[in-house]
């Protein structure tokens, strides 16, 4: 759907406006007491079914909480896969003054030669003095691409086969309450890139018209430093309480660090969570928007901003991963979250999102790409507030089921 820029900016303003609505937010979410009295999770259900003893107070006060999900489902990008997702939530300090740290390992494999070994981590030191963030992946990724922008129709695509290694690490120090600044190192290595499975054969460079990281038979290596800033009032990123999260990442790939090209990019992320009731079952509105853009030439094609390729690969539910890609990408999503049962064991969500990728050459945002869906929530571990999330999303020409641990954002 092609629209005028003025109308598009109006849509952006209307969608982002709820993020700035004043809502009652705790002055110090780190001091919010998570009361699990009367709450129930799958661990309680299993103990009752197997007639095990109820949890002791010592078990409830332990510092590490595991959630494990072995299941057959799908991952962003399509195709049924086998997934085993493991999440560890833990406190490195007094939980009244320290956020919940988390490490997620979610290896997946399908029967079409695609598999991945991703590890994500966010570590909060005692009293939230430092936040250490990590993202390490090894992926074998046959995946379709439609080039840049939103002009191409669904069948107008080619299959790109590549291997990928990612190593991102950053360390941020608290400057003011909730505000953190730091530096990081990012490495992206794409290798064994080919489009030989297409009939008739076509190279990635010929199909996309993009000059960087698309030369036949060539690998792509990017290495650079980042400047990071975060404002975060959420106590628990796995299932955020009312609060705000904002992030700024400036990245500079440099030739002296081994990059094929000097290139710069910026990633801006904003999220707000609004409690509609002050007590009782969960009743929350959540908003998420990000803007991701290159600010110089040189970014390889496979590293360009793409839907579903945000740091945690959670955006664009209902849209195929990297269906829309460009030198700039804007995204917005809103979600309503509510408990079904008063004990918090079951809940549901409904969501809607849209994105727009810049067009090649003109760099205009000319197309809006919407999606929507809903999902079921099952409490796996009430102490870390970790849910099993079962979401179904759909958009024009695509639909998919996504099962994982923790909220999408």
Protein backbone atom coordinates (compact mmCIF):
# COMPACT_ATOMS: atom_id res chain seq x y z
CA UNK A 1 0.00 0.00 0.00
CA UNK A 2 1.68 3.17 -1.19
CA UNK A 3 0.97 6.33 0.79
CA UNK A 4 2.09 9.95 0.89
CA UNK A 5 4.83 10.85 3.34
CA UNK A 6 2.57 13.37 5.13
CA UNK A 7 -0.01 10.68 5.83
CA UNK A 8 2.67 8.27 6.98
CA UNK A 9 4.06 10.78 9.48
CA UNK A 10 0.54 11.32 10.80
CA UNK A 11 0.16 7.58 11.36
CA UNK A 12 3.52 7.48 13.16
CA UNK A 13 2.50 10.35 15.44
CA UNK A 14 -0.87 8.79 16.29
CA UNK A 15 0.69 5.43 17.07
CA UNK A 16 3.53 6.77 19.16
CA UNK A 17 1.35 9.19 21.12
CA UNK A 18 0.23 6.53 23.66
CA UNK A 19 3.86 6.02 24.65
CA UNK A 20 3.93 9.53 26.05
CA UNK A 21 0.61 9.42 27.88
CA UNK A 22 1.25 10.06 31.55
CA UNK A 23 0.52 6.97 33.60
CA UNK A 24 1.17 6.10 37.20
CA UNK A 25 4.55 4.40 37.31
CA UNK A 26 6.34 3.39 40.51
CA UNK A 27 9.07 5.84 41.49
CA UNK A 28 11.40 2.90 42.06
CA UNK A 29 10.43 -0.29 40.29
CA UNK A 30 13.40 -2.05 41.84
CA UNK A 31 11.57 -1.73 45.16
CA UNK A 32 8.29 -3.15 43.86
CA UNK A 33 7.48 -6.22 45.93
CA UNK A 34 6.52 -9.15 43.68
CA UNK A 35 3.95 -10.92 45.85
CA UNK A 36 3.41 -14.52 44.70
CA UNK A 37 1.00 -15.37 47.52
CA UNK A 38 -1.91 -17.25 45.96
CA UNK A 39 -0.13 -17.42 42.60
CA UNK A 40 0.29 -20.68 40.74
CA UNK A 41 2.65 -21.89 38.01
CA UNK A 42 3.40 -25.11 36.11
CA UNK A 43 5.90 -26.14 38.78
CA UNK A 44 3.09 -26.05 41.37
CA UNK A 45 0.82 -28.01 39.01
CA UNK A 46 3.51 -30.66 38.47
CA UNK A 47 4.14 -30.97 42.21
CA UNK A 48 0.43 -31.44 42.87
CA UNK A 49 0.02 -34.00 40.08
CA UNK A 50 3.05 -36.01 41.17
CA UNK A 51 2.13 -35.53 44.84
CA UNK A 52 5.45 -33.85 45.70
CA UNK A 53 5.75 -31.68 48.77
CA UNK A 54 4.88 -28.00 48.24
CA UNK A 55 7.77 -25.61 47.81
CA UNK A 56 9.50 -24.67 51.02
CA UNK A 57 10.21 -21.07 51.94
CA UNK A 58 13.90 -21.77 51.33
CA UNK A 59 13.15 -22.97 47.78
CA UNK A 60 11.03 -19.90 47.08
CA UNK A 61 13.88 -17.65 48.23
CA UNK A 62 16.58 -19.25 46.09
CA UNK A 63 18.52 -16.97 43.80
CA UNK A 64 18.30 -18.82 40.43
CA UNK A 65 15.04 -19.72 38.65
CA UNK A 66 15.12 -21.98 35.56
CA UNK A 67 12.47 -22.28 32.85
CA UNK A 68 12.81 -24.97 30.17
CA UNK A 69 10.66 -25.40 27.07
CA UNK A 70 11.34 -28.41 24.78
CA UNK A 71 8.83 -28.07 21.94
CA UNK A 72 8.25 -28.28 18.18
CA UNK A 73 7.27 -24.89 16.81
CA UNK A 74 8.51 -22.24 14.39
CA UNK A 75 11.07 -19.46 14.58
CA UNK A 76 11.09 -16.07 12.86
CA UNK A 77 11.77 -16.80 9.22
CA UNK A 78 9.28 -19.63 8.89
CA UNK A 79 9.38 -23.42 8.68
CA UNK A 80 8.70 -25.93 11.45
CA UNK A 81 11.65 -26.52 13.75
CA UNK A 82 12.67 -28.32 16.90
CA UNK A 83 13.37 -25.86 19.70
CA UNK A 84 14.67 -26.22 23.23
CA UNK A 85 14.52 -22.90 25.03
CA UNK A 86 16.13 -22.51 28.45
CA UNK A 87 15.93 -19.32 30.50
CA UNK A 88 17.71 -18.70 33.79
CA UNK A 89 16.59 -15.76 35.89
CA UNK A 90 18.67 -14.85 38.92
CA UNK A 91 19.57 -12.08 41.34
CA UNK A 92 23.19 -11.12 41.98
CA UNK A 93 22.20 -8.84 44.83
CA UNK A 94 19.33 -7.92 47.11
CA UNK A 95 16.20 -8.14 44.96
CA UNK A 96 14.91 -4.93 46.54
CA UNK A 97 17.75 -2.99 44.91
CA UNK A 98 18.86 -5.27 42.05
CA UNK A 99 17.06 -6.13 38.82
CA UNK A 100 16.56 -9.72 37.68
CA UNK A 101 19.44 -10.93 35.48
CA UNK A 102 18.64 -13.37 32.69
CA UNK A 103 20.40 -15.75 30.32
CA UNK A 104 18.47 -17.38 27.46
CA UNK A 105 19.73 -20.26 25.31
CA UNK A 106 17.34 -21.32 22.52
CA UNK A 107 18.95 -23.71 19.99
CA UNK A 108 16.74 -24.67 17.04
CA UNK A 109 16.92 -27.00 14.04
CA UNK A 110 14.65 -27.75 11.12
CA UNK A 111 14.68 -30.43 8.46
CA UNK A 112 15.66 -28.02 5.68
CA UNK A 113 19.24 -27.30 6.72
CA UNK A 114 18.54 -24.37 9.02
CA UNK A 115 19.73 -24.25 12.61
CA UNK A 116 20.90 -21.77 15.19
CA UNK A 117 22.67 -21.55 18.53
CA UNK A 118 21.77 -18.17 20.07
CA UNK A 119 22.65 -17.05 23.61
CA UNK A 120 21.34 -13.77 25.03
CA UNK A 121 22.23 -12.35 28.42
CA UNK A 122 21.55 -9.30 30.56
CA UNK A 123 23.46 -9.28 33.84
CA UNK A 124 22.78 -6.77 36.63
CA UNK A 125 25.46 -6.49 39.30
CA UNK A 126 24.49 -5.81 42.97
CA UNK A 127 22.51 -2.57 43.42
CA UNK A 128 22.35 -2.24 39.60
CA UNK A 129 25.80 -0.66 39.50
CA UNK A 130 26.62 -2.26 36.13
CA UNK A 131 24.63 -3.90 33.34
CA UNK A 132 26.51 -6.37 31.11
CA UNK A 133 24.71 -7.33 27.89
CA UNK A 134 25.63 -10.16 25.56
CA UNK A 135 24.40 -11.61 22.26
CA UNK A 136 26.27 -14.55 20.74
CA UNK A 137 24.98 -16.58 17.79
CA UNK A 138 26.05 -19.20 15.30
CA UNK A 139 23.48 -19.63 12.54
CA UNK A 140 23.12 -21.63 9.34
CA UNK A 141 20.48 -19.61 7.55
CA UNK A 142 18.94 -20.42 4.19
CA UNK A 143 16.47 -17.53 3.98
CA UNK A 144 14.49 -15.64 1.37
CA UNK A 145 15.14 -11.99 0.63
CA UNK A 146 13.00 -9.45 -1.22
CA UNK A 147 15.69 -6.79 -1.49
CA UNK A 148 15.09 -3.34 -0.03
CA UNK A 149 11.87 -1.51 0.73
CA UNK A 150 8.30 -2.77 0.36
CA UNK A 151 7.77 -2.68 -3.40
CA UNK A 152 8.35 -6.35 -4.28
CA UNK A 153 5.42 -8.77 -4.27
CA UNK A 154 5.58 -11.95 -2.17
CA UNK A 155 6.70 -14.27 -5.04
CA UNK A 156 9.41 -11.80 -6.14
CA UNK A 157 12.20 -13.20 -3.96
CA UNK A 158 15.38 -15.27 -4.01
CA UNK A 159 16.79 -17.81 -1.56
CA UNK A 160 20.07 -16.79 0.09
CA UNK A 161 22.12 -19.45 1.89
CA UNK A 162 24.71 -18.21 4.40
CA UNK A 163 26.41 -18.95 7.71
CA UNK A 164 26.58 -16.30 10.39
CA UNK A 165 28.60 -15.64 13.54
CA UNK A 166 27.64 -12.80 15.87
CA UNK A 167 29.48 -11.64 18.98
CA UNK A 168 28.07 -8.56 20.74
CA UNK A 169 29.17 -7.51 24.23
CA UNK A 170 28.60 -4.25 26.07
CA UNK A 171 29.17 -2.93 29.60
CA UNK A 172 27.12 -0.04 30.98
CA UNK A 173 27.60 1.83 34.26
CA UNK A 174 24.88 3.57 36.23
CA UNK A 175 25.27 7.36 36.06
CA UNK A 176 21.96 8.34 37.62
CA UNK A 177 19.07 6.23 38.94
CA UNK A 178 17.84 4.12 36.00
CA UNK A 179 20.29 5.78 33.56
CA UNK A 180 23.32 3.86 32.23
CA UNK A 181 26.09 4.69 29.78
CA UNK A 182 28.76 2.40 28.39
CA UNK A 183 30.65 0.96 25.44
CA UNK A 184 30.62 -2.31 23.57
CA UNK A 185 32.09 -4.37 20.78
CA UNK A 186 30.07 -5.82 17.87
CA UNK A 187 31.22 -8.44 15.37
CA UNK A 188 29.21 -9.81 12.43
CA UNK A 189 30.68 -12.42 10.10
CA UNK A 190 28.64 -13.71 7.14
CA UNK A 191 30.31 -16.46 5.14
CA UNK A 192 29.52 -19.15 2.55
CA UNK A 193 27.01 -16.74 1.00
CA UNK A 194 25.41 -18.10 -2.18
CA UNK A 195 22.19 -18.03 -4.22
CA UNK A 196 22.84 -21.20 -6.24
CA UNK A 197 19.47 -22.80 -5.44
CA UNK A 198 17.50 -20.28 -7.48
CA UNK A 199 16.15 -21.08 -10.92
CA UNK A 200 17.10 -19.25 -13.03
CA UNK A 201 20.37 -18.43 -11.21
CA UNK A 202 20.71 -14.84 -10.02
CA UNK A 203 23.37 -13.23 -7.84
CA UNK A 204 22.52 -11.32 -4.68
CA UNK A 205 24.08 -8.18 -6.15
CA UNK A 206 22.04 -8.38 -9.37
CA UNK A 207 18.80 -9.00 -7.46
CA UNK A 208 19.24 -6.27 -4.84
CA UNK A 209 21.31 -3.70 -6.74
CA UNK A 210 23.15 -3.12 -3.45
CA UNK A 211 26.97 -2.86 -3.66
CA UNK A 212 28.13 -3.92 -0.17
CA UNK A 213 28.40 -7.52 1.01
CA UNK A 214 26.81 -8.91 -2.15
CA UNK A 215 29.82 -9.79 -4.35
CA UNK A 216 29.61 -13.42 -5.56
CA UNK A 217 31.95 -15.75 -3.67
CA UNK A 218 32.89 -13.12 -1.07
CA UNK A 219 32.40 -13.20 2.68
CA UNK A 220 31.30 -10.20 4.75
CA UNK A 221 33.01 -9.10 7.96
CA UNK A 222 32.01 -6.18 10.18
CA UNK A 223 33.75 -5.23 13.41
CA UNK A 224 33.34 -2.10 15.46
CA UNK A 225 32.80 -0.31 18.73
CA UNK A 226 29.48 0.90 20.10
CA UNK A 227 28.41 3.74 22.36
CA UNK A 228 25.42 2.68 24.47
CA UNK A 229 22.94 4.52 26.68
CA UNK A 230 19.98 2.95 28.50
CA UNK A 231 17.17 4.26 30.70
CA UNK A 232 15.40 1.33 32.36
CA UNK A 233 12.85 1.33 35.21
CA UNK A 234 11.76 -2.30 34.62
CA UNK A 235 12.56 -4.71 37.42
CA UNK A 236 12.15 -7.80 35.23
CA UNK A 237 12.80 -7.82 31.48
CA UNK A 238 11.26 -11.30 31.09
CA UNK A 239 7.84 -9.95 32.10
CA UNK A 240 8.07 -6.18 32.63
CA UNK A 241 6.23 -4.37 35.36
CA UNK A 242 4.81 -0.93 34.57
CA UNK A 243 7.70 1.30 33.63
CA UNK A 244 9.87 2.59 30.78
CA UNK A 245 12.78 1.29 28.76
CA UNK A 246 14.77 3.46 26.33
CA UNK A 247 17.98 2.54 24.52
CA UNK A 248 20.44 4.28 22.21
CA UNK A 249 23.20 2.41 20.33
CA UNK A 250 25.68 4.11 18.02
CA UNK A 251 27.90 1.70 16.09
CA UNK A 252 31.03 2.43 14.09
CA UNK A 253 32.53 -0.37 12.01
CA UNK A 254 36.16 0.52 11.32
CA UNK A 255 38.67 -0.77 8.82
CA UNK A 256 41.45 -0.83 11.42
CA UNK A 257 39.31 -3.33 13.40
CA UNK A 258 39.04 -5.66 10.42
CA UNK A 259 35.80 -4.45 8.84
CA UNK A 260 35.42 -4.73 5.10
CA UNK A 261 34.08 -1.17 5.09
CA UNK A 262 33.83 1.78 7.44
CA UNK A 263 30.15 2.10 8.32
CA UNK A 264 28.02 3.77 10.97
CA UNK A 265 24.53 3.07 12.27
CA UNK A 266 22.12 4.13 15.03
CA UNK A 267 19.49 2.08 16.85
CA UNK A 268 16.84 3.84 18.99
CA UNK A 269 14.42 1.76 21.08
CA UNK A 270 11.56 2.96 23.30
CA UNK A 271 9.09 0.87 25.36
CA UNK A 272 6.39 1.83 27.86
CA UNK A 273 4.23 -0.37 30.08
CA UNK A 274 1.02 1.01 31.58
CA UNK A 275 -0.92 -0.78 34.36
CA UNK A 276 -4.66 -0.26 33.88
CA UNK A 277 -5.42 -1.44 37.43
CA UNK A 278 -3.41 -1.01 40.63
CA UNK A 279 -4.14 -4.46 42.05
CA UNK A 280 -5.54 -7.86 41.16
CA UNK A 281 -4.94 -9.83 37.95
CA UNK A 282 -2.54 -8.39 35.38
CA UNK A 283 -4.14 -5.77 33.14
CA UNK A 284 -1.43 -3.99 31.16
CA UNK A 285 -0.95 -2.05 27.94
CA UNK A 286 2.53 -2.31 26.40
CA UNK A 287 4.00 -0.16 23.62
CA UNK A 288 7.20 -0.66 21.66
CA UNK A 289 8.79 1.42 18.91
CA UNK A 290 12.24 1.52 17.37
CA UNK A 291 14.09 3.34 14.63
CA UNK A 292 17.13 1.67 13.11
CA UNK A 293 19.17 3.39 10.44
CA UNK A 294 22.53 3.47 8.71
CA UNK A 295 24.13 6.91 8.73
CA UNK A 296 26.88 6.18 6.20
CA UNK A 297 27.58 3.87 3.29
CA UNK A 298 29.27 0.50 3.75
CA UNK A 299 26.85 -1.63 5.79
CA UNK A 300 26.69 -5.11 4.20
CA UNK A 301 23.32 -6.11 2.75
CA UNK A 302 22.71 -8.93 5.25
CA UNK A 303 23.43 -6.49 8.10
CA UNK A 304 20.96 -3.82 6.98
CA UNK A 305 18.00 -3.05 9.27
CA UNK A 306 15.37 -5.75 8.72
CA UNK A 307 12.10 -6.69 10.36
CA UNK A 308 12.58 -9.45 12.94
CA UNK A 309 16.32 -8.83 13.08
CA UNK A 310 16.30 -6.49 16.08
CA UNK A 311 18.66 -7.42 18.94
CA UNK A 312 16.31 -10.10 20.36
CA UNK A 313 14.62 -11.04 17.05
CA UNK A 314 11.20 -10.37 18.57
CA UNK A 315 9.74 -7.69 16.28
CA UNK A 316 7.32 -8.32 13.46
CA UNK A 317 5.18 -11.13 14.86
CA UNK A 318 3.03 -12.20 11.91
CA UNK A 319 5.58 -11.04 9.32
CA UNK A 320 8.31 -13.23 7.87
CA UNK A 321 11.76 -12.35 9.19
CA UNK A 322 13.59 -9.85 6.95
CA UNK A 323 10.55 -9.66 4.65
CA UNK A 324 11.18 -5.90 4.72
CA UNK A 325 14.70 -4.51 4.80
CA UNK A 326 16.28 -1.17 4.04
CA UNK A 327 18.92 1.34 5.02
CA UNK A 328 16.38 2.60 7.56
CA UNK A 329 13.53 0.83 9.34
CA UNK A 330 10.80 2.15 11.62
CA UNK A 331 8.65 -0.12 13.79
CA UNK A 332 5.75 0.17 16.22
CA UNK A 333 3.84 -2.43 18.22
CA UNK A 334 1.16 -2.30 20.90
CA UNK A 335 -0.07 -5.18 23.03
CA UNK A 336 -2.80 -5.74 25.62
CA UNK A 337 -1.89 -8.26 28.35
CA UNK A 338 -4.38 -9.71 30.83
CA UNK A 339 -4.60 -12.63 33.23
CA UNK A 340 -7.43 -15.09 32.63
CA UNK A 341 -7.24 -16.76 36.04
CA UNK A 342 -6.89 -14.90 39.32
CA UNK A 343 -3.93 -17.09 40.31
CA UNK A 344 -1.94 -15.92 37.26
CA UNK A 345 -1.54 -19.41 35.76
CA UNK A 346 -3.24 -18.49 32.46
CA UNK A 347 -3.38 -15.24 30.56
CA UNK A 348 -3.79 -13.86 27.06
CA UNK A 349 -2.49 -11.09 24.83
CA UNK A 350 -3.66 -9.36 21.66
CA UNK A 351 -1.24 -7.32 19.57
CA UNK A 352 -0.85 -5.26 16.41
CA UNK A 353 2.27 -3.92 14.75
CA UNK A 354 3.51 -2.25 11.62
CA UNK A 355 6.84 -1.47 10.03
CA UNK A 356 8.20 0.47 7.10
CA UNK A 357 11.58 0.03 5.41
CA UNK A 358 13.16 2.79 3.36
CA UNK A 359 13.14 2.45 -0.41
CA UNK A 360 16.45 2.11 -2.29
CA UNK A 361 17.81 5.26 -3.91
CA UNK A 362 15.03 7.57 -2.64
CA UNK A 363 15.35 6.52 1.04
CA UNK A 364 11.63 7.29 1.46
CA UNK A 365 9.25 5.37 3.71
CA UNK A 366 6.65 4.59 1.04
CA UNK A 367 4.88 1.47 2.33
CA UNK A 368 3.26 0.50 5.64
CA UNK A 369 3.28 -3.21 6.46
CA UNK A 370 0.79 -4.15 9.21
CA UNK A 371 0.32 -7.39 11.17
CA UNK A 372 -1.79 -8.52 14.11
CA UNK A 373 -2.50 -11.52 16.28
CA UNK A 374 -3.05 -12.91 19.74
CA UNK A 375 -1.63 -15.41 22.15
CA UNK A 376 -1.96 -17.54 25.26
CA UNK A 377 0.22 -17.19 28.36
CA UNK A 378 0.97 -20.02 30.80
CA UNK A 379 3.00 -19.24 33.92
CA UNK A 380 6.05 -21.50 34.04
CA UNK A 381 7.88 -19.99 37.01
CA UNK A 382 6.09 -17.49 39.26
CA UNK A 383 9.26 -16.45 41.10
CA UNK A 384 10.92 -15.14 37.93
CA UNK A 385 7.48 -14.34 36.44
CA UNK A 386 8.42 -16.31 33.30
CA UNK A 387 5.56 -17.21 30.94
CA UNK A 388 5.33 -19.72 28.15
CA UNK A 389 4.21 -17.49 25.27
CA UNK A 390 2.19 -19.06 22.44
CA UNK A 391 1.49 -16.43 19.77
CA UNK A 392 -0.22 -16.57 16.40
CA UNK A 393 0.38 -13.65 14.05
CA UNK A 394 -0.75 -12.89 10.53
CA UNK A 395 -0.24 -10.37 7.75
CA UNK A 396 -0.90 -10.19 4.03
CA UNK A 397 0.55 -13.35 2.51
CA UNK A 398 1.96 -14.81 5.73
CA UNK A 399 0.99 -16.27 9.10
CA UNK A 400 2.94 -18.08 11.79
CA UNK A 401 2.92 -19.60 15.25
CA UNK A 402 5.70 -18.62 17.67
CA UNK A 403 6.27 -20.37 21.00
CA UNK A 404 8.88 -19.19 23.46
CA UNK A 405 9.71 -18.18 27.01
CA UNK A 406 9.10 -14.64 28.23
CA UNK A 407 7.19 -11.77 26.71
CA UNK A 408 7.95 -10.54 23.20
CA UNK A 409 9.05 -7.18 24.67
